[in-house]
Amino acid sequence: MKRGCFFRKGSFTIEAACVMSLILLALTGTLYLCFFVHNRAWLTAAAYEAALAGSIEGAHADGRMAETADMRGRELGNTGFYTAENLAVNVTAGDRVKVVYTADTFWDFGGLSWKLKAEGSSRVIRPVEWIRKVNAAADIAGSIK
């Protein structure tokens, strides 16, 4: 051995074995966190899309906002998500259509679980009334000149 070098044979192997378990735990934790964020982003977009579908249906005289939003929400949420189970969709309709997804996410290590909640809402869209209001505002703005 060189002078001033106090390493014993095999010490790096033992240190690597101790540190590697922490590195693998951090990597798998990051991977599960990425799955959680992906599922939340996907379900938030699906909730807004389902709420918009329901609010568009509300413009019809016999429109079924809640049923349309629920059907679209189940269709979009039917995609299998890794590490997520017990996916439920809840729709409330009135002057706004609100879609809420809830799911349980699990983690293989230690039995940890997180609750996932994603929601989206949209006002009922009545295009004819909106176009009339825009035209009236344009007429008023034109007469001010």
C-alpha atoms as a PDB file:
ATOM      1  CA  MET A   1       0.000   0.000   0.000  1.00  0.00           C
ATOM      2  CA  LYS A   2       1.053   3.512  -0.639  1.00  0.00           C
ATOM      3  CA  ARG A   3       1.942   5.699   2.204  1.00  0.00           C
ATOM      4  CA  GLY A   4      -1.033   7.709   3.608  1.00  0.00           C
ATOM      5  CA  CYS A   5      -3.650   5.408   2.032  1.00  0.00           C
ATOM      6  CA  PHE A   6      -5.759   3.803   4.731  1.00  0.00           C
ATOM      7  CA  PHE A   7      -8.316   1.963   2.600  1.00  0.00           C
ATOM      8  CA  ARG A   8      -8.726  -1.690   3.254  1.00  0.00           C
ATOM      9  CA  LYS A   9      -9.472  -4.145   0.522  1.00  0.00           C
ATOM     10  CA  GLY A  10     -13.258  -4.366  -0.102  1.00  0.00           C
ATOM     11  CA  SER A  11     -14.241  -1.182   1.717  1.00  0.00           C
ATOM     12  CA  PHE A  12     -15.660   0.380  -1.464  1.00  0.00           C
ATOM     13  CA  THR A  13     -17.829  -2.689  -2.012  1.00  0.00           C
ATOM     14  CA  ILE A  14     -19.358  -2.415   1.443  1.00  0.00           C
ATOM     15  CA  GLU A  15     -19.909   1.335   1.097  1.00  0.00           C
ATOM     16  CA  ALA A  16     -21.523   0.859  -2.331  1.00  0.00           C
ATOM     17  CA  ALA A  17     -23.824  -1.817  -0.933  1.00  0.00           C
ATOM     18  CA  CYS A  18     -24.955   0.520   1.850  1.00  0.00           C
ATOM     19  CA  VAL A  19     -25.446   3.532  -0.404  1.00  0.00           C
ATOM     20  CA  MET A  20     -27.036   1.608  -3.301  1.00  0.00           C
ATOM     21  CA  SER A  21     -30.150   0.741  -1.290  1.00  0.00           C
ATOM     22  CA  LEU A  22     -30.707   4.443  -0.590  1.00  0.00           C
ATOM     23  CA  ILE A  23     -30.152   5.319  -4.237  1.00  0.00           C
ATOM     24  CA  LEU A  24     -32.644   2.671  -5.399  1.00  0.00           C
ATOM     25  CA  LEU A  25     -35.201   3.830  -2.834  1.00  0.00           C
ATOM     26  CA  ALA A  26     -34.831   7.420  -4.051  1.00  0.00           C
ATOM     27  CA  LEU A  27     -35.150   6.344  -7.698  1.00  0.00           C
ATOM     28  CA  THR A  28     -38.278   4.267  -7.125  1.00  0.00           C
ATOM     29  CA  GLY A  29     -39.781   7.042  -4.996  1.00  0.00           C
ATOM     30  CA  THR A  30     -39.165   9.512  -7.804  1.00  0.00           C
ATOM     31  CA  LEU A  31     -40.687   7.092 -10.309  1.00  0.00           C
ATOM     32  CA  TYR A  32     -43.845   6.659  -8.232  1.00  0.00           C
ATOM     33  CA  LEU A  33     -44.080  10.415  -7.760  1.00  0.00           C
ATOM     34  CA  CYS A  34     -43.873  10.847 -11.541  1.00  0.00           C
ATOM     35  CA  PHE A  35     -46.726   8.341 -11.982  1.00  0.00           C
ATOM     36  CA  PHE A  36     -48.777  10.253  -9.399  1.00  0.00           C
ATOM     37  CA  VAL A  37     -48.202  13.592 -11.134  1.00  0.00           C
ATOM     38  CA  HIS A  38     -48.989  12.063 -14.540  1.00  0.00           C
ATOM     39  CA  ASN A  39     -52.242  10.536 -13.266  1.00  0.00           C
ATOM     40  CA  ARG A  40     -53.266  13.794 -11.630  1.00  0.00           C
ATOM     41  CA  ALA A  41     -52.559  15.824 -14.778  1.00  0.00           C
ATOM     42  CA  TRP A  42     -54.406  13.309 -16.961  1.00  0.00           C
ATOM     43  CA  LEU A  43     -57.445  13.228 -14.664  1.00  0.00           C
ATOM     44  CA  THR A  44     -57.549  17.021 -14.342  1.00  0.00           C
ATOM     45  CA  ALA A  45     -57.612  17.373 -18.136  1.00  0.00           C
ATOM     46  CA  ALA A  46     -60.266  14.644 -18.348  1.00  0.00           C
ATOM     47  CA  ALA A  47     -62.373  16.405 -15.695  1.00  0.00           C
ATOM     48  CA  TYR A  48     -62.291  19.689 -17.604  1.00  0.00           C
ATOM     49  CA  GLU A  49     -63.112  17.949 -20.876  1.00  0.00           C
ATOM     50  CA  ALA A  50     -66.061  16.096 -19.332  1.00  0.00           C
ATOM     51  CA  ALA A  51     -67.336  19.294 -17.674  1.00  0.00           C
ATOM     52  CA  LEU A  52     -67.112  21.127 -20.993  1.00  0.00           C
ATOM     53  CA  ALA A  53     -69.018  18.332 -22.752  1.00  0.00           C
ATOM     54  CA  GLY A  54     -71.763  18.598 -20.128  1.00  0.00           C
ATOM     55  CA  SER A  55     -71.917  22.378 -20.297  1.00  0.00           C
ATOM     56  CA  ILE A  56     -72.263  22.323 -24.077  1.00  0.00           C
ATOM     57  CA  GLU A  57     -75.133  19.855 -23.714  1.00  0.00           C
ATOM     58  CA  GLY A  58     -76.831  22.323 -21.352  1.00  0.00           C
ATOM     59  CA  ALA A  59     -77.503  24.685 -24.269  1.00  0.00           C
ATOM     60  CA  HIS A  60     -80.163  22.332 -25.632  1.00  0.00           C
ATOM     61  CA  ALA A  61     -83.722  22.641 -24.334  1.00  0.00           C
ATOM     62  CA  ASP A  62     -83.835  18.981 -23.285  1.00  0.00           C
ATOM     63  CA  GLY A  63     -80.098  18.766 -22.560  1.00  0.00           C
ATOM     64  CA  ARG A  64     -78.899  16.257 -20.022  1.00  0.00           C
ATOM     65  CA  MET A  65     -75.810  17.928 -18.641  1.00  0.00           C
ATOM     66  CA  ALA A  66     -75.074  15.550 -15.782  1.00  0.00           C
ATOM     67  CA  GLU A  67     -75.588  12.392 -17.839  1.00  0.00           C
ATOM     68  CA  THR A  68     -73.406  13.665 -20.682  1.00  0.00           C
ATOM     69  CA  ALA A  69     -70.626  14.787 -18.340  1.00  0.00           C
ATOM     70  CA  ASP A  70     -70.816  11.502 -16.408  1.00  0.00           C
ATOM     71  CA  MET A  71     -70.659   9.418 -19.585  1.00  0.00           C
ATOM     72  CA  ARG A  72     -67.718  11.418 -20.950  1.00  0.00           C
ATOM     73  CA  GLY A  73     -65.981  11.343 -17.552  1.00  0.00           C
ATOM     74  CA  ARG A  74     -66.272   7.559 -17.286  1.00  0.00           C
ATOM     75  CA  GLU A  75     -65.061   7.187 -20.859  1.00  0.00           C
ATOM     76  CA  LEU A  76     -61.965   9.325 -20.225  1.00  0.00           C
ATOM     77  CA  GLY A  77     -61.283   7.865 -16.776  1.00  0.00           C
ATOM     78  CA  ASN A  78     -61.607   4.294 -18.020  1.00  0.00           C
ATOM     79  CA  THR A  79     -57.972   4.275 -19.113  1.00  0.00           C
ATOM     80  CA  GLY A  80     -55.925   2.173 -16.728  1.00  0.00           C
ATOM     81  CA  PHE A  81     -53.545   4.105 -14.531  1.00  0.00           C
ATOM     82  CA  TYR A  82     -50.471   2.549 -13.005  1.00  0.00           C
ATOM     83  CA  THR A  83     -50.461   2.678  -9.199  1.00  0.00           C
ATOM     84  CA  ALA A  84     -54.080   3.926  -9.081  1.00  0.00           C
ATOM     85  CA  GLU A  85     -57.185   2.021  -8.070  1.00  0.00           C
ATOM     86  CA  ASN A  86     -60.779   2.676  -6.975  1.00  0.00           C
ATOM     87  CA  LEU A  87     -61.260   5.455  -9.515  1.00  0.00           C
ATOM     88  CA  ALA A  88     -64.618   7.202  -9.050  1.00  0.00           C
ATOM     89  CA  VAL A  89     -66.200  10.100 -10.902  1.00  0.00           C
ATOM     90  CA  ASN A  90     -68.723  12.473  -9.341  1.00  0.00           C
ATOM     91  CA  VAL A  91     -70.707  14.947 -11.431  1.00  0.00           C
ATOM     92  CA  THR A  92     -72.800  17.860 -10.198  1.00  0.00           C
ATOM     93  CA  ALA A  93     -74.774  20.040 -12.581  1.00  0.00           C
ATOM     94  CA  GLY A  94     -76.592  23.327 -12.180  1.00  0.00           C
ATOM     95  CA  ASP A  95     -75.480  26.659 -13.594  1.00  0.00           C
ATOM     96  CA  ARG A  96     -72.000  25.067 -13.587  1.00  0.00           C
ATOM     97  CA  VAL A  97     -71.012  21.498 -14.401  1.00  0.00           C
ATOM     98  CA  LYS A  98     -68.413  20.142 -11.992  1.00  0.00           C
ATOM     99  CA  VAL A  99     -66.602  16.833 -12.444  1.00  0.00           C
ATOM    100  CA  VAL A 100     -64.503  15.387  -9.611  1.00  0.00           C
ATOM    101  CA  TYR A 101     -62.292  12.308  -9.891  1.00  0.00           C
ATOM    102  CA  THR A 102     -61.061  10.496  -6.793  1.00  0.00           C
ATOM    103  CA  ALA A 103     -58.667   7.575  -6.705  1.00  0.00           C
ATOM    104  CA  ASP A 104     -56.386   5.745  -4.323  1.00  0.00           C
ATOM    105  CA  THR A 105     -52.753   5.442  -5.275  1.00  0.00           C
ATOM    106  CA  PHE A 106     -50.581   2.853  -3.645  1.00  0.00           C
ATOM    107  CA  TRP A 107     -46.888   2.418  -3.213  1.00  0.00           C
ATOM    108  CA  ASP A 108     -45.401  -1.063  -3.188  1.00  0.00           C
ATOM    109  CA  PHE A 109     -42.941  -0.297  -0.428  1.00  0.00           C
ATOM    110  CA  GLY A 110     -44.291   0.044   3.070  1.00  0.00           C
ATOM    111  CA  GLY A 111     -47.960  -0.017   2.075  1.00  0.00           C
ATOM    112  CA  LEU A 112     -48.132   3.759   1.685  1.00  0.00           C
ATOM    113  CA  SER A 113     -51.085   5.234  -0.177  1.00  0.00           C
ATOM    114  CA  TRP A 114     -52.096   8.679  -1.349  1.00  0.00           C
ATOM    115  CA  LYS A 115     -55.509  10.049  -2.173  1.00  0.00           C
ATOM    116  CA  LEU A 116     -55.725  11.532  -5.645  1.00  0.00           C
ATOM    117  CA  LYS A 117     -58.360  14.171  -6.356  1.00  0.00           C
ATOM    118  CA  ALA A 118     -58.750  16.021  -9.637  1.00  0.00           C
ATOM    119  CA  GLU A 119     -61.592  18.339 -10.500  1.00  0.00           C
ATOM    120  CA  GLY A 120     -62.749  20.540 -13.326  1.00  0.00           C
ATOM    121  CA  SER A 121     -65.749  22.771 -13.858  1.00  0.00           C
ATOM    122  CA  SER A 122     -67.328  24.748 -16.658  1.00  0.00           C
ATOM    123  CA  ARG A 123     -70.136  27.271 -16.868  1.00  0.00           C
ATOM    124  CA  VAL A 124     -73.120  26.298 -18.948  1.00  0.00           C
ATOM    125  CA  ILE A 125     -72.495  27.666 -22.411  1.00  0.00           C
ATOM    126  CA  ARG A 126     -75.380  29.244 -24.282  1.00  0.00           C
ATOM    127  CA  PRO A 127     -73.840  30.321 -27.618  1.00  0.00           C
ATOM    128  CA  VAL A 128     -76.871  32.198 -29.011  1.00  0.00           C
ATOM    129  CA  GLU A 129     -77.138  34.443 -25.950  1.00  0.00           C
ATOM    130  CA  TRP A 130     -73.401  35.021 -25.941  1.00  0.00           C
ATOM    131  CA  ILE A 131     -73.322  36.024 -29.615  1.00  0.00           C
ATOM    132  CA  ARG A 132     -76.214  38.436 -29.029  1.00  0.00           C
ATOM    133  CA  LYS A 133     -74.352  40.039 -26.119  1.00  0.00           C
ATOM    134  CA  VAL A 134     -71.194  40.407 -28.215  1.00  0.00           C
ATOM    135  CA  ASN A 135     -73.143  41.975 -31.083  1.00  0.00           C
ATOM    136  CA  ALA A 136     -74.885  44.370 -28.675  1.00  0.00           C
ATOM    137  CA  ALA A 137     -71.530  45.361 -27.165  1.00  0.00           C
ATOM    138  CA  ALA A 138     -70.097  45.913 -30.660  1.00  0.00           C
ATOM    139  CA  ASP A 139     -73.086  48.117 -31.559  1.00  0.00           C
ATOM    140  CA  ILE A 140     -72.639  50.177 -28.395  1.00  0.00           C
ATOM    141  CA  ALA A 141     -68.893  50.516 -28.989  1.00  0.00           C
ATOM    142  CA  GLY A 142     -69.553  51.570 -32.602  1.00  0.00           C
ATOM    143  CA  SER A 143     -72.057  54.247 -31.559  1.00  0.00           C
ATOM    144  CA  ILE A 144     -69.638  55.806 -29.059  1.00  0.00           C
ATOM    145  CA  LYS A 145     -67.204  56.908 -31.799  1.00  0.00           C
END
